[in-house]
C-alpha cells in the first residue's frame, strides 16, 4: 500500500488523494490567450526530475504541495501551500469581470 504524508492529517493511503497538476507560474486568466491558458492547464514538460505538484486530500478538503520524483514516483516532501504562496487567487471575480463588458455594469 502506498502512503502519502498529508501536512494536515499525517500518513494516509494514496487513494485518499487527487492529483491537481504541477505547480507552475499561472498566466493572468483575464488577459492571456486561450492558447496560453490551455498550455498552462493541459501541458507539462514531462521530464525525469523532481517536480512540485498540487495534491488534494479528499476527506478533509485540504490542498497542499508535494515534491515527487517523476521516474521513481517517490514522494520526497509535502508541505502547506502557504510556504510558497502568500495570496489566494479568486477566479470568480475574473469570470464576473469577463461576463460584464466594461462600461455596462449592473
Foldseek 3Di string as FASTA:
>chain_A
DDWDQDPVPGTDDPVQKDWDFFDDDADDPLPDDPVSNCCVRPHDPPDFDWTWTWMARNVVRAIWIWTAGNPVRDTDDIDHCVVPDDDDDDVVVSVVCVVADPPRDD
